[in-house]
Amino acid sequence: MTDDEIGTLFTEQERLALEYVDAMTHTDRDVDDALFDQLRHVFDDEALIELTATIAWENSSSRFNRAMRVPSQGLWQR
């Protein structure tokens, strides 16, 4: 998917949330100060905490399931 396609599919707030997901998910990246500042301008404290907790939970769940050899439930296809 190209950046132009992403730009038409998601709002600015959604694109920022997806960038946050990438920063939290990829172990070779960090949530830098500039991204966190952008998030603080778009999300209030409660929303940012909920978003962060959801991303962390999904990452933890994914790693747990993989380590325990829990098979996919087939909820989506590649």
Protein backbone atom coordinates (compact mmCIF):
# COMPACT_ATOMS: atom_id res chain seq x y z
CA MET A 1 0.00 0.00 0.00
CA THR A 2 1.43 3.38 -0.95
CA ASP A 3 1.55 6.46 1.26
CA ASP A 4 -1.03 8.10 -1.02
CA GLU A 5 -3.41 5.17 -0.56
CA ILE A 6 -2.90 5.27 3.20
CA GLY A 7 -3.59 9.00 3.15
CA THR A 8 -7.02 8.46 1.62
CA LEU A 9 -8.00 5.51 3.82
CA PHE A 10 -7.17 6.90 7.25
CA THR A 11 -7.65 10.18 9.06
CA GLU A 12 -4.65 12.09 10.39
CA GLN A 13 -5.44 10.80 13.89
CA GLU A 14 -5.62 7.20 12.64
CA ARG A 15 -2.34 7.52 10.72
CA LEU A 16 -0.66 8.87 13.85
CA ALA A 17 -2.04 5.96 15.90
CA LEU A 18 -0.70 3.50 13.30
CA GLU A 19 2.72 5.15 13.45
CA TYR A 20 2.57 4.70 17.23
CA VAL A 21 1.68 1.03 16.78
CA ASP A 22 4.72 0.55 14.56
CA ALA A 23 7.01 2.33 17.03
CA MET A 24 5.76 0.20 19.93
CA THR A 25 5.71 -3.07 17.99
CA HIS A 26 9.04 -3.09 16.16
CA THR A 27 11.67 -3.95 18.74
CA ASP A 28 14.36 -2.05 16.84
CA ARG A 29 12.43 1.22 17.16
CA ASP A 30 11.44 3.51 19.98
CA VAL A 31 8.67 6.03 20.47
CA ASP A 32 10.72 9.16 19.98
CA ASP A 33 9.91 12.47 21.64
CA ALA A 34 8.60 14.05 18.42
CA LEU A 35 6.06 11.27 17.89
CA PHE A 36 5.01 11.34 21.53
CA ASP A 37 4.52 15.12 21.36
CA GLN A 38 2.29 14.69 18.28
CA LEU A 39 0.27 12.04 20.10
CA ARG A 40 -0.19 14.33 23.13
CA HIS A 41 -1.63 17.02 20.85
CA VAL A 42 -4.12 14.64 19.22
CA PHE A 43 -5.14 12.37 22.12
CA ASP A 44 -6.03 13.35 25.67
CA ASP A 45 -4.33 11.51 28.54
CA GLU A 46 -7.11 8.95 28.94
CA ALA A 47 -7.19 8.09 25.23
CA LEU A 48 -3.41 7.86 25.02
CA ILE A 49 -3.28 5.52 28.02
CA GLU A 50 -5.99 3.32 26.52
CA LEU A 51 -4.29 3.26 23.11
CA THR A 52 -0.92 2.41 24.69
CA ALA A 53 -2.42 -0.35 26.85
CA THR A 54 -4.24 -1.87 23.88
CA ILE A 55 -1.12 -1.91 21.71
CA ALA A 56 0.96 -3.39 24.55
CA TRP A 57 -1.69 -6.05 25.23
CA GLU A 58 -1.90 -7.08 21.57
CA ASN A 59 1.89 -7.27 21.31
CA SER A 60 2.12 -9.34 24.48
CA SER A 61 -0.71 -11.62 23.40
CA SER A 62 0.87 -12.16 20.01
CA ARG A 63 4.26 -13.05 21.47
CA PHE A 64 2.69 -15.33 24.08
CA ASN A 65 0.62 -17.19 21.48
CA ARG A 66 3.59 -17.61 19.19
CA ALA A 67 5.82 -18.94 21.97
CA MET A 68 3.12 -21.35 23.15
CA ARG A 69 2.39 -22.50 19.58
CA VAL A 70 -1.22 -21.35 19.81
CA PRO A 71 -2.56 -21.66 16.26
CA SER A 72 -4.31 -18.87 14.44
CA GLN A 73 -8.05 -18.75 14.90
CA GLY A 74 -8.44 -17.88 11.20
CA LEU A 75 -10.06 -14.50 11.84
CA TRP A 76 -8.28 -12.95 8.86
CA GLN A 77 -6.28 -14.05 5.86
CA ARG A 78 -3.16 -12.62 4.31
